[in-house]
Amino acid sequence: MKETIQTGIFYDPEKEGVDFLIQRGGGEIIPIEVSIGKKGKSQIKKAINKYKVGYGVVISNANDVKKEGNIIYLPVTFFSFV
């Protein structure tokens, strides 16, 4: 028997909120900020606290994947093949 898992991509309506919220199966929310600069760090930290999640993702102009505490930074070039 197949099971349907509810997932989705949402917009955070809060002023200065993150760019996207991804909801995984089971209801887990992942805040996503697309940032070319320094603003992404404060916005993602607010979202991590607001949604009480373990981590957030910043898509940036960095050259490498890196993790700082509970923030994962992904280079925008990762998405050039999508």
N, C-alpha and C. Protein backbone atom coordinates (compact mmCIF):
# COMPACT_ATOMS: atom_id res chain seq x y z
N MET A 1 0.84 -1.17 0.00
CA MET A 1 0.00 0.00 0.00
C MET A 1 0.89 1.24 0.00
N LYS A 2 0.59 2.18 -0.88
CA LYS A 2 1.34 3.43 -0.94
C LYS A 2 0.82 4.39 0.12
N GLU A 3 1.76 5.17 0.66
CA GLU A 3 1.39 6.19 1.64
C GLU A 3 1.72 7.56 1.06
N THR A 4 0.80 8.49 1.19
CA THR A 4 1.04 9.86 0.73
C THR A 4 1.68 10.65 1.85
N ILE A 5 2.80 11.30 1.55
CA ILE A 5 3.49 12.12 2.53
C ILE A 5 3.28 13.58 2.15
N GLN A 6 2.76 14.35 3.08
CA GLN A 6 2.50 15.77 2.83
C GLN A 6 3.81 16.55 2.87
N THR A 7 4.12 17.25 1.81
CA THR A 7 5.29 18.11 1.73
C THR A 7 4.88 19.40 1.06
N GLY A 8 5.75 20.39 1.11
CA GLY A 8 5.41 21.63 0.43
C GLY A 8 6.50 22.67 0.56
N ILE A 9 6.39 23.69 -0.28
CA ILE A 9 7.28 24.84 -0.23
C ILE A 9 6.39 26.05 0.03
N PHE A 10 6.76 26.82 1.04
CA PHE A 10 5.93 27.94 1.46
C PHE A 10 6.77 29.21 1.55
N TYR A 11 6.09 30.33 1.56
CA TYR A 11 6.70 31.65 1.72
C TYR A 11 6.49 32.09 3.16
N ASP A 12 7.52 32.65 3.77
CA ASP A 12 7.42 33.18 5.13
C ASP A 12 6.89 34.61 5.04
N PRO A 13 5.66 34.88 5.46
CA PRO A 13 5.06 36.20 5.29
C PRO A 13 5.60 37.27 6.24
N GLU A 14 6.38 36.86 7.24
CA GLU A 14 6.90 37.82 8.22
C GLU A 14 7.88 38.79 7.56
N LYS A 15 7.80 40.06 7.95
CA LYS A 15 8.74 41.06 7.44
C LYS A 15 10.15 40.63 7.83
N GLU A 16 11.05 40.69 6.88
CA GLU A 16 12.43 40.26 7.06
C GLU A 16 12.53 38.77 7.40
N GLY A 17 11.56 38.00 6.94
CA GLY A 17 11.59 36.56 7.15
C GLY A 17 12.46 35.89 6.09
N VAL A 18 12.62 34.59 6.24
CA VAL A 18 13.41 33.85 5.26
C VAL A 18 12.66 33.78 3.93
N ASP A 19 13.37 33.37 2.89
CA ASP A 19 12.77 33.36 1.55
C ASP A 19 11.80 32.20 1.35
N PHE A 20 12.12 31.03 1.90
CA PHE A 20 11.28 29.85 1.71
C PHE A 20 11.24 29.02 2.98
N LEU A 21 10.17 28.26 3.12
CA LEU A 21 10.06 27.23 4.15
C LEU A 21 9.72 25.95 3.42
N ILE A 22 10.52 24.94 3.61
CA ILE A 22 10.23 23.64 3.02
C ILE A 22 9.70 22.74 4.12
N GLN A 23 8.56 22.12 3.87
CA GLN A 23 8.00 21.19 4.84
C GLN A 23 8.22 19.77 4.33
N ARG A 24 8.95 19.01 5.11
CA ARG A 24 9.22 17.61 4.75
C ARG A 24 8.13 16.72 5.31
N GLY A 25 8.12 15.48 4.85
CA GLY A 25 7.19 14.51 5.40
C GLY A 25 7.36 14.43 6.91
N GLY A 26 6.28 14.30 7.63
CA GLY A 26 6.35 14.28 9.07
C GLY A 26 6.23 15.67 9.69
N GLY A 27 6.14 16.70 8.84
CA GLY A 27 5.92 18.05 9.32
C GLY A 27 7.16 18.86 9.61
N GLU A 28 8.36 18.27 9.48
CA GLU A 28 9.59 19.02 9.75
C GLU A 28 9.71 20.19 8.79
N ILE A 29 10.03 21.37 9.33
CA ILE A 29 10.19 22.58 8.52
C ILE A 29 11.67 22.91 8.40
N ILE A 30 12.10 23.26 7.19
CA ILE A 30 13.47 23.70 6.96
C ILE A 30 13.42 25.12 6.40
N PRO A 31 13.91 26.10 7.17
CA PRO A 31 13.95 27.47 6.64
C PRO A 31 15.10 27.63 5.64
N ILE A 32 14.82 28.31 4.53
CA ILE A 32 15.81 28.52 3.47
C ILE A 32 15.93 30.03 3.21
N GLU A 33 17.15 30.53 3.21
CA GLU A 33 17.41 31.93 2.87
C GLU A 33 18.36 31.97 1.69
N VAL A 34 18.00 32.71 0.65
CA VAL A 34 18.89 32.93 -0.49
C VAL A 34 19.54 34.28 -0.24
N SER A 35 20.86 34.26 -0.06
CA SER A 35 21.54 35.46 0.39
C SER A 35 22.87 35.65 -0.32
N ILE A 36 23.04 36.80 -0.91
CA ILE A 36 24.34 37.18 -1.46
C ILE A 36 24.80 38.36 -0.61
N GLY A 37 25.34 38.05 0.55
CA GLY A 37 25.76 39.08 1.50
C GLY A 37 25.63 38.57 2.91
N LYS A 38 25.54 39.47 3.87
CA LYS A 38 25.55 39.09 5.28
C LYS A 38 24.16 38.99 5.90
N LYS A 39 23.12 39.45 5.22
CA LYS A 39 21.80 39.49 5.83
C LYS A 39 21.25 38.11 6.15
N GLY A 40 21.67 37.09 5.44
CA GLY A 40 21.11 35.75 5.59
C GLY A 40 21.27 35.16 6.97
N LYS A 41 22.37 35.46 7.63
CA LYS A 41 22.64 34.83 8.93
C LYS A 41 21.61 35.25 9.98
N SER A 42 21.29 36.52 10.06
CA SER A 42 20.33 36.96 11.08
C SER A 42 18.93 36.45 10.76
N GLN A 43 18.56 36.44 9.50
CA GLN A 43 17.22 35.98 9.12
C GLN A 43 17.06 34.48 9.38
N ILE A 44 18.08 33.70 9.08
CA ILE A 44 17.96 32.26 9.28
C ILE A 44 17.94 31.93 10.77
N LYS A 45 18.70 32.66 11.57
CA LYS A 45 18.69 32.43 13.02
C LYS A 45 17.31 32.72 13.61
N LYS A 46 16.68 33.81 13.16
CA LYS A 46 15.32 34.14 13.62
C LYS A 46 14.35 33.01 13.27
N ALA A 47 14.46 32.51 12.04
CA ALA A 47 13.54 31.45 11.58
C ALA A 47 13.77 30.15 12.36
N ILE A 48 15.02 29.82 12.64
CA ILE A 48 15.32 28.60 13.41
C ILE A 48 14.65 28.69 14.77
N ASN A 49 14.74 29.85 15.41
CA ASN A 49 14.10 30.04 16.72
C ASN A 49 12.58 30.07 16.61
N LYS A 50 12.06 30.79 15.61
CA LYS A 50 10.61 30.93 15.45
C LYS A 50 9.93 29.58 15.22
N TYR A 51 10.51 28.77 14.35
CA TYR A 51 9.89 27.49 13.99
C TYR A 51 10.40 26.33 14.84
N LYS A 52 11.31 26.64 15.79
CA LYS A 52 11.84 25.64 16.72
C LYS A 52 12.38 24.42 15.98
N VAL A 53 13.28 24.69 15.03
CA VAL A 53 13.89 23.62 14.24
C VAL A 53 15.38 23.52 14.55
N GLY A 54 15.98 22.41 14.16
CA GLY A 54 17.37 22.15 14.49
C GLY A 54 18.38 22.83 13.59
N TYR A 55 17.96 23.23 12.39
CA TYR A 55 18.91 23.85 11.47
C TYR A 55 18.18 24.63 10.39
N GLY A 56 18.94 25.45 9.68
CA GLY A 56 18.43 26.20 8.54
C GLY A 56 19.48 26.19 7.44
N VAL A 57 19.09 26.57 6.24
CA VAL A 57 19.98 26.54 5.08
C VAL A 57 20.06 27.93 4.47
N VAL A 58 21.30 28.36 4.18
CA VAL A 58 21.53 29.61 3.47
C VAL A 58 22.17 29.26 2.14
N ILE A 59 21.55 29.69 1.05
CA ILE A 59 22.12 29.53 -0.28
C ILE A 59 22.85 30.84 -0.57
N SER A 60 24.18 30.75 -0.77
CA SER A 60 24.98 31.97 -0.85
C SER A 60 25.99 31.91 -1.98
N ASN A 61 26.78 32.97 -2.07
CA ASN A 61 27.83 33.01 -3.09
C ASN A 61 29.13 32.40 -2.59
N ALA A 62 29.08 31.64 -1.52
CA ALA A 62 30.26 30.93 -1.01
C ALA A 62 30.72 29.90 -2.03
N ASN A 63 31.98 29.53 -1.95
CA ASN A 63 32.53 28.55 -2.89
C ASN A 63 32.38 27.12 -2.41
N ASP A 64 32.22 26.92 -1.12
CA ASP A 64 32.17 25.58 -0.56
C ASP A 64 30.96 25.42 0.35
N VAL A 65 30.60 24.15 0.57
CA VAL A 65 29.58 23.84 1.56
C VAL A 65 30.25 23.99 2.93
N LYS A 66 29.55 24.65 3.85
CA LYS A 66 30.10 24.74 5.20
C LYS A 66 28.96 24.76 6.20
N LYS A 67 29.30 24.41 7.42
CA LYS A 67 28.32 24.40 8.50
C LYS A 67 28.88 25.22 9.65
N GLU A 68 28.09 26.17 10.11
CA GLU A 68 28.44 26.99 11.27
C GLU A 68 27.32 26.83 12.28
N GLY A 69 27.59 26.06 13.31
CA GLY A 69 26.54 25.80 14.30
C GLY A 69 25.39 25.06 13.65
N ASN A 70 24.21 25.65 13.70
CA ASN A 70 23.03 25.00 13.11
C ASN A 70 22.62 25.63 11.78
N ILE A 71 23.58 26.28 11.11
CA ILE A 71 23.33 26.87 9.79
C ILE A 71 24.21 26.17 8.76
N ILE A 72 23.58 25.70 7.68
CA ILE A 72 24.30 25.05 6.58
C ILE A 72 24.33 26.02 5.41
N TYR A 73 25.52 26.29 4.90
CA TYR A 73 25.69 27.20 3.75
C TYR A 73 25.95 26.37 2.50
N LEU A 74 25.16 26.61 1.47
CA LEU A 74 25.32 25.92 0.19
C LEU A 74 25.62 26.94 -0.90
N PRO A 75 26.60 26.65 -1.76
CA PRO A 75 26.88 27.57 -2.87
C PRO A 75 25.73 27.60 -3.86
N VAL A 76 25.43 28.77 -4.38
CA VAL A 76 24.36 28.92 -5.36
C VAL A 76 24.67 28.09 -6.61
N THR A 77 25.94 27.84 -6.87
CA THR A 77 26.32 27.05 -8.05
C THR A 77 25.81 25.62 -7.97
N PHE A 78 25.48 25.12 -6.79
CA PHE A 78 24.89 23.79 -6.66
C PHE A 78 23.57 23.70 -7.43
N PHE A 79 22.92 24.82 -7.60
CA PHE A 79 21.59 24.83 -8.18
C PHE A 79 21.59 25.20 -9.66
N SER A 80 22.75 25.37 -10.24
CA SER A 80 22.84 25.75 -11.65
C SER A 80 22.46 24.60 -12.58
N PHE A 81 22.42 23.38 -12.04
CA PHE A 81 22.07 22.22 -12.86
C PHE A 81 20.59 21.86 -12.74
N VAL A 82 19.87 22.57 -11.90
CA VAL A 82 18.46 22.25 -11.67
C VAL A 82 17.62 22.85 -12.77
